[in-house]
């Protein structure tokens, strides 16, 4: 039923001054009349209404005249300099000086606070990778020191699909990705391939930091509209929602043409035709926001750190060669040293290094 928060409102004393202020933050003016203006926060997804009137004199309280804008953690770390460049001063809050972002460890988020020209409370907020069982507030640098000392990067054991789902549930970044894609309401959508596999292999190697992804692959299935421009349109929408994510969107109803294969019947059918069984994985959220995992060839290969071709990439020498080229190009064993590579019987050449 509920898909998200669409609009919020703030009172202002002078509409023109407020319009200039919010435009300086990067918000796009959508509609304006004599006493009200609407700004897109995420175009087509959420907006902010500014209403000129005496209500701006209402005494501030956290439940009144407060808006929090979601940002990436990397951007939040530079938020104070960004605000200063715009002539905006970050403010003290919760008794803490505006030296750096303030962390709420038991909520897994960090924030920077400032005011608009009428004293409306504004916040830039970013999710952190995990919660700490502490209620005291701290600066972001303190949180980093604590988590660096307390986090033990010991390889985890994964044995089945439920273990993978629980792993993803504990990753705020991955959950944010899934929530973002869900908002587009794409038919038969999945976030797939390296997005899933890399998380599993990072975990099994006990890596401290996430292995960077060249792209976050989103697939959907719409046989009624296979124009590539539709994919680019969705990529643009996702970039507007999460600018620092390397989005890649593909309609699997047309990708069989690109891959020189018979038509796919669904996105999961297309995922089953990915080159490697360990890559043939997809994640999505159902209507109840529960994680659904697609693994047409099971999960044993990926959790056993085994890279082997899917059946269709063993059928001919041409496909076997494509699989080999991917192994050479992707350099997975350089990133994840425990991975074992298996080659198809139709291999043209085999790299045993």
Protein backbone atom coordinates (compact mmCIF):
# COMPACT_ATOMS: atom_id res chain seq x y z
CA UNK A 1 0.00 0.00 0.00
CA UNK A 2 2.31 2.80 1.24
CA UNK A 3 5.26 3.27 -1.13
CA UNK A 4 7.10 6.12 0.57
CA UNK A 5 6.83 9.72 1.78
CA UNK A 6 5.79 12.00 -1.10
CA UNK A 7 5.58 15.48 0.39
CA UNK A 8 6.45 17.62 3.40
CA UNK A 9 5.88 21.32 4.15
CA UNK A 10 7.60 24.24 5.89
CA UNK A 11 6.40 27.77 6.75
CA UNK A 12 8.47 30.73 5.49
CA UNK A 13 8.32 34.51 5.90
CA UNK A 14 9.50 35.52 2.42
CA UNK A 15 8.91 33.15 -0.47
CA UNK A 16 11.49 34.68 -2.83
CA UNK A 17 14.29 34.54 -0.25
CA UNK A 18 13.39 30.94 0.58
CA UNK A 19 13.26 29.92 -3.08
CA UNK A 20 16.80 31.24 -3.58
CA UNK A 21 17.99 29.39 -0.47
CA UNK A 22 16.55 26.00 -1.41
CA UNK A 23 17.74 26.34 -5.00
CA UNK A 24 21.25 26.85 -3.58
CA UNK A 25 20.88 23.41 -1.95
CA UNK A 26 20.26 21.89 -5.38
CA UNK A 27 16.49 21.43 -5.14
CA UNK A 28 14.53 22.02 -8.35
CA UNK A 29 11.61 24.47 -8.28
CA UNK A 30 8.51 22.76 -9.67
CA UNK A 31 5.51 25.05 -9.08
CA UNK A 32 5.07 28.53 -7.63
CA UNK A 33 2.20 30.90 -7.05
CA UNK A 34 1.71 33.94 -4.83
CA UNK A 35 2.26 32.30 -1.42
CA UNK A 36 3.46 28.75 -2.03
CA UNK A 37 6.28 27.01 -3.90
CA UNK A 38 7.00 23.32 -4.45
CA UNK A 39 10.48 21.87 -4.90
CA UNK A 40 11.35 18.41 -6.11
CA UNK A 41 13.55 16.55 -3.63
CA UNK A 42 13.67 13.54 -5.94
CA UNK A 43 11.96 14.44 -9.19
CA UNK A 44 8.74 12.51 -9.63
CA UNK A 45 9.15 10.87 -6.21
CA UNK A 46 9.01 13.46 -3.42
CA UNK A 47 8.67 17.20 -2.98
CA UNK A 48 8.84 19.98 -0.41
CA UNK A 49 6.21 22.72 -0.10
CA UNK A 50 7.12 26.20 1.19
CA UNK A 51 4.22 28.30 2.48
CA UNK A 52 4.56 32.04 3.07
CA UNK A 53 2.73 33.23 6.18
CA UNK A 54 2.96 34.03 9.87
CA UNK A 55 3.23 30.33 10.77
CA UNK A 56 7.03 30.64 10.48
CA UNK A 57 6.86 32.23 13.96
CA UNK A 58 5.72 28.92 15.47
CA UNK A 59 8.25 27.87 18.08
CA UNK A 60 10.58 25.15 16.82
CA UNK A 61 10.23 21.59 18.10
CA UNK A 62 11.66 18.35 16.55
CA UNK A 63 8.10 17.36 15.62
CA UNK A 64 7.52 20.74 13.91
CA UNK A 65 9.41 22.65 11.22
CA UNK A 66 12.03 19.96 10.65
CA UNK A 67 13.12 18.24 7.43
CA UNK A 68 15.92 15.66 6.95
CA UNK A 69 17.46 15.14 3.51
CA UNK A 70 19.08 11.77 2.83
CA UNK A 71 22.66 11.89 1.50
CA UNK A 72 25.46 9.39 0.96
CA UNK A 73 27.95 8.98 3.81
CA UNK A 74 30.83 10.14 1.60
CA UNK A 75 28.96 13.37 0.83
CA UNK A 76 28.03 13.88 4.49
CA UNK A 77 31.71 13.82 5.45
CA UNK A 78 32.18 16.92 3.28
CA UNK A 79 28.81 18.50 4.08
CA UNK A 80 30.12 21.27 6.33
CA UNK A 81 32.51 22.52 3.66
CA UNK A 82 29.71 22.24 1.09
CA UNK A 83 27.39 24.33 3.27
CA UNK A 84 30.12 26.87 4.01
CA UNK A 85 30.69 27.40 0.27
CA UNK A 86 27.02 28.39 0.06
CA UNK A 87 27.28 30.79 2.98
CA UNK A 88 25.41 28.43 5.33
CA UNK A 89 26.67 27.67 8.83
CA UNK A 90 26.15 24.22 10.32
CA UNK A 91 24.69 24.52 13.80
CA UNK A 92 25.16 23.02 17.23
CA UNK A 93 22.69 20.30 18.19
CA UNK A 94 22.26 17.84 21.07
CA UNK A 95 24.88 19.90 22.93
CA UNK A 96 27.54 19.09 20.31
CA UNK A 97 29.43 21.73 18.36
CA UNK A 98 29.27 21.58 14.53
CA UNK A 99 32.79 20.21 14.17
CA UNK A 100 31.84 17.15 12.10
CA UNK A 101 28.78 14.90 11.56
CA UNK A 102 27.03 13.70 14.71
CA UNK A 103 26.42 9.95 15.00
CA UNK A 104 23.48 8.18 16.64
CA UNK A 105 25.20 4.77 17.07
CA UNK A 106 22.11 2.77 18.07
CA UNK A 107 20.23 4.11 15.02
CA UNK A 108 23.09 3.66 12.51
CA UNK A 109 22.99 7.14 11.06
CA UNK A 110 25.03 10.35 11.06
CA UNK A 111 23.75 13.90 10.66
CA UNK A 112 24.68 17.53 10.04
CA UNK A 113 22.21 20.22 11.13
CA UNK A 114 21.59 23.74 9.83
CA UNK A 115 18.76 26.27 9.51
CA UNK A 116 17.01 27.93 6.60
CA UNK A 117 16.49 31.75 6.62
CA UNK A 118 13.40 31.37 8.85
CA UNK A 119 14.97 29.06 11.41
CA UNK A 120 13.37 25.90 10.05
CA UNK A 121 15.52 22.98 11.18
CA UNK A 122 17.21 21.16 8.29
CA UNK A 123 19.29 18.01 8.47
CA UNK A 124 21.55 16.06 6.13
CA UNK A 125 21.42 12.41 7.18
CA UNK A 126 23.32 9.31 6.03
CA UNK A 127 23.01 5.65 6.94
CA UNK A 128 25.94 3.88 8.57
CA UNK A 129 26.89 0.26 7.81
CA UNK A 130 25.71 -1.10 11.17
CA UNK A 131 24.36 -0.21 14.61
CA UNK A 132 26.25 -0.08 17.90
CA UNK A 133 24.55 -0.94 21.18
CA UNK A 134 25.15 2.55 22.57
CA UNK A 135 22.77 5.45 23.13
CA UNK A 136 25.36 8.22 23.60
CA UNK A 137 25.92 10.50 20.64
CA UNK A 138 29.40 10.93 19.18
CA UNK A 139 31.27 12.48 16.31
CA UNK A 140 31.78 10.47 13.13
CA UNK A 141 35.54 10.19 13.71
CA UNK A 142 34.87 8.66 17.15
CA UNK A 143 32.43 6.17 15.62
CA UNK A 144 35.05 5.17 13.04
CA UNK A 145 37.68 4.63 15.75
CA UNK A 146 35.34 2.51 17.86
CA UNK A 147 34.13 0.36 14.99
CA UNK A 148 37.66 -0.11 13.69
CA UNK A 149 38.74 -1.42 17.10
CA UNK A 150 35.69 -3.54 17.85
CA UNK A 151 34.82 -5.01 14.46
CA UNK A 152 36.42 -8.41 13.89
CA UNK A 153 36.77 -9.12 10.24
CA UNK A 154 36.59 -12.90 10.48
CA UNK A 155 35.30 -14.80 7.45
CA UNK A 156 31.70 -15.78 8.02
CA UNK A 157 30.28 -19.16 7.15
CA UNK A 158 27.33 -19.20 4.76
CA UNK A 159 25.50 -22.45 4.13
CA UNK A 160 22.19 -21.71 2.40
CA UNK A 161 19.91 -19.13 0.80
CA UNK A 162 18.54 -17.95 4.15
CA UNK A 163 22.05 -17.12 5.34
CA UNK A 164 22.50 -14.92 2.26
CA UNK A 165 19.18 -13.17 2.83
CA UNK A 166 20.09 -12.46 6.46
CA UNK A 167 23.48 -11.15 5.33
CA UNK A 168 21.82 -8.67 2.98
CA UNK A 169 19.26 -7.63 5.62
CA UNK A 170 22.14 -6.46 7.82
CA UNK A 171 23.69 -4.35 5.05
CA UNK A 172 22.04 -0.87 5.02
CA UNK A 173 23.64 0.06 1.69
CA UNK A 174 22.27 -3.00 -0.08
CA UNK A 175 18.85 -2.53 1.49
CA UNK A 176 18.84 1.10 0.35
CA UNK A 177 19.65 -0.05 -3.20
CA UNK A 178 16.74 -2.50 -3.16
CA UNK A 179 14.35 0.08 -1.72
CA UNK A 180 15.43 2.62 -4.34
CA UNK A 181 14.85 0.25 -7.27
CA UNK A 182 11.52 -0.88 -5.84
CA UNK A 183 10.25 2.69 -6.07
CA UNK A 184 10.40 2.54 -9.89
CA UNK A 185 7.79 -0.26 -9.96
CA UNK A 186 9.55 -2.01 -12.85
CA UNK A 187 7.96 -5.25 -14.07
CA UNK A 188 9.78 -8.37 -12.89
CA UNK A 189 12.71 -6.37 -11.51
CA UNK A 190 15.84 -7.70 -9.84
CA UNK A 191 19.20 -6.32 -8.70
CA UNK A 192 21.60 -9.02 -9.72
CA UNK A 193 25.01 -10.40 -10.65
CA UNK A 194 28.04 -8.82 -8.93
CA UNK A 195 25.86 -6.88 -6.52
CA UNK A 196 24.99 -10.20 -4.86
CA UNK A 197 28.07 -12.29 -5.60
CA UNK A 198 30.57 -9.66 -4.41
CA UNK A 199 28.83 -9.30 -1.04
CA UNK A 200 28.99 -13.05 -0.51
CA UNK A 201 32.64 -13.36 -1.50
CA UNK A 202 33.67 -10.29 0.52
CA UNK A 203 32.01 -11.88 3.55
CA UNK A 204 33.62 -15.28 2.99
CA UNK A 205 37.02 -13.58 2.71
CA UNK A 206 36.46 -11.47 5.84
CA UNK A 207 37.10 -8.23 3.98
CA UNK A 208 36.97 -5.03 6.02
CA UNK A 209 35.78 -2.89 3.10
CA UNK A 210 33.31 -3.55 0.31
CA UNK A 211 34.92 -4.47 -3.01
CA UNK A 212 34.01 -1.62 -5.41
CA UNK A 213 31.43 -2.54 -8.02
CA UNK A 214 31.91 -1.36 -11.62
CA UNK A 215 28.12 -1.22 -11.84
CA UNK A 216 24.96 -2.14 -9.97
CA UNK A 217 22.98 -4.29 -12.40
CA UNK A 218 19.21 -3.82 -12.45
CA UNK A 219 17.14 -6.01 -14.78
CA UNK A 220 13.44 -6.04 -15.57
CA UNK A 221 11.19 -7.71 -18.16
CA UNK A 222 8.88 -5.68 -20.39
CA UNK A 223 8.13 -7.30 -23.74
CA UNK A 224 5.75 -4.46 -24.67
CA UNK A 225 8.49 -1.84 -24.82
CA UNK A 226 11.98 -3.01 -25.75
CA UNK A 227 13.33 0.38 -26.80
CA UNK A 228 16.77 0.89 -25.24
CA UNK A 229 15.86 4.50 -24.48
CA UNK A 230 13.49 3.20 -21.78
CA UNK A 231 16.43 1.62 -19.98
CA UNK A 232 18.33 4.92 -20.14
CA UNK A 233 15.30 6.73 -18.75
CA UNK A 234 15.21 4.41 -15.74
CA UNK A 235 18.96 4.77 -15.25
CA UNK A 236 18.52 8.54 -15.15
CA UNK A 237 15.74 8.24 -12.57
CA UNK A 238 17.91 6.02 -10.38
CA UNK A 239 20.84 8.42 -10.72
CA UNK A 240 18.61 11.26 -9.57
CA UNK A 241 17.63 9.21 -6.54
CA UNK A 242 21.13 7.88 -5.73
CA UNK A 243 23.77 9.81 -7.72
CA UNK A 244 26.79 7.93 -6.37
CA UNK A 245 25.63 4.48 -7.43
CA UNK A 246 26.94 3.16 -10.80
CA UNK A 247 23.53 2.09 -12.10
CA UNK A 248 23.10 -0.15 -15.14
CA UNK A 249 19.54 -1.00 -16.23
CA UNK A 250 18.64 -3.65 -18.82
CA UNK A 251 15.30 -4.92 -20.13
CA UNK A 252 15.82 -8.68 -20.42
CA UNK A 253 12.97 -8.87 -22.94
CA UNK A 254 15.45 -7.54 -25.52
CA UNK A 255 18.82 -8.79 -24.25
CA UNK A 256 18.56 -12.15 -26.02
CA UNK A 257 19.11 -10.20 -29.25
CA UNK A 258 22.31 -8.66 -27.89
CA UNK A 259 23.53 -12.00 -26.50
CA UNK A 260 22.54 -14.01 -29.60
CA UNK A 261 20.30 -16.38 -27.63
CA UNK A 262 16.69 -17.60 -27.88
CA UNK A 263 14.16 -15.19 -26.29
CA UNK A 264 13.97 -15.21 -22.51
CA UNK A 265 10.63 -15.85 -20.81
CA UNK A 266 11.32 -13.77 -17.69
CA UNK A 267 14.05 -11.96 -15.82
CA UNK A 268 14.90 -15.09 -13.83
CA UNK A 269 15.17 -17.05 -17.08
CA UNK A 270 17.61 -14.40 -18.29
CA UNK A 271 19.57 -14.57 -15.02
CA UNK A 272 19.88 -18.34 -15.50
CA UNK A 273 21.69 -17.59 -18.78
CA UNK A 274 24.35 -15.41 -17.14
CA UNK A 275 27.85 -16.82 -17.84
CA UNK A 276 28.69 -18.05 -14.31
CA UNK A 277 26.54 -19.89 -11.78
CA UNK A 278 28.01 -17.70 -9.02
CA UNK A 279 26.86 -14.61 -10.93
CA UNK A 280 23.39 -15.99 -11.74
CA UNK A 281 21.84 -14.45 -8.64
CA UNK A 282 19.23 -11.75 -8.11
CA UNK A 283 17.63 -9.90 -5.22
CA UNK A 284 14.38 -7.97 -4.92
CA UNK A 285 11.84 -6.86 -2.32
CA UNK A 286 8.29 -8.17 -2.32
CA UNK A 287 5.21 -6.12 -1.38
CA UNK A 288 5.97 -6.70 2.31
CA UNK A 289 9.56 -5.47 1.81
CA UNK A 290 10.88 -8.98 2.39
CA UNK A 291 13.99 -10.01 0.47
CA UNK A 292 13.49 -12.50 -2.34
CA UNK A 293 16.54 -14.33 -3.69
CA UNK A 294 16.63 -15.76 -7.22
CA UNK A 295 19.25 -18.47 -7.65
CA UNK A 296 18.31 -20.60 -10.69
CA UNK A 297 21.44 -22.75 -10.29
CA UNK A 298 21.38 -22.76 -6.50
CA UNK A 299 23.85 -21.07 -4.15
CA UNK A 300 26.34 -23.86 -3.45
CA UNK A 301 28.85 -22.69 -6.06
CA UNK A 302 28.92 -19.10 -4.83
CA UNK A 303 29.17 -20.02 -1.13
CA UNK A 304 31.81 -22.65 -1.93
CA UNK A 305 33.81 -19.93 -3.73
CA UNK A 306 33.61 -21.88 -6.99
CA UNK A 307 33.40 -20.16 -10.34
CA UNK A 308 32.02 -22.37 -13.08
CA UNK A 309 30.02 -21.77 -16.28
CA UNK A 310 26.26 -22.07 -16.47
CA UNK A 311 25.12 -24.90 -18.80
CA UNK A 312 24.50 -22.64 -21.80
CA UNK A 313 28.13 -21.47 -21.67
CA UNK A 314 29.30 -25.06 -21.98
CA UNK A 315 27.27 -25.84 -25.09
CA UNK A 316 29.60 -24.46 -27.76
CA UNK A 317 33.22 -23.41 -28.15
CA UNK A 318 32.05 -19.87 -28.83
CA UNK A 319 30.29 -19.59 -25.47
CA UNK A 320 33.09 -21.44 -23.68
CA UNK A 321 35.53 -18.91 -25.09
CA UNK A 322 33.32 -16.02 -23.88
CA UNK A 323 33.38 -17.52 -20.39
CA UNK A 324 37.18 -17.82 -20.48
CA UNK A 325 37.55 -14.23 -21.65
CA UNK A 326 35.41 -13.05 -18.75
CA UNK A 327 37.56 -14.97 -16.27
CA UNK A 328 40.69 -13.36 -17.71
CA UNK A 329 39.22 -9.87 -17.91
CA UNK A 330 37.40 -9.74 -14.58
CA UNK A 331 40.44 -11.00 -12.59
CA UNK A 332 38.22 -12.37 -9.85
CA UNK A 333 41.00 -14.43 -8.27
CA UNK A 334 43.08 -11.29 -7.80
CA UNK A 335 40.23 -9.76 -5.80
CA UNK A 336 39.14 -12.93 -3.98
CA UNK A 337 42.12 -15.25 -3.62
CA UNK A 338 40.12 -18.24 -2.33
CA UNK A 339 38.00 -18.51 -5.48
CA UNK A 340 38.50 -21.68 -7.53
CA UNK A 341 37.88 -21.43 -11.28
CA UNK A 342 36.46 -24.31 -13.30
CA UNK A 343 36.57 -24.30 -17.09
CA UNK A 344 34.10 -25.83 -19.58
CA UNK A 345 34.96 -28.94 -21.56
CA UNK A 346 34.70 -26.88 -24.75
CA UNK A 347 37.37 -24.45 -23.58
CA UNK A 348 39.59 -23.15 -26.36
CA UNK A 349 42.41 -22.46 -23.97
CA UNK A 350 42.76 -22.76 -20.25
CA UNK A 351 44.64 -20.34 -18.04
CA UNK A 352 45.95 -22.33 -15.08
CA UNK A 353 47.83 -19.48 -13.38
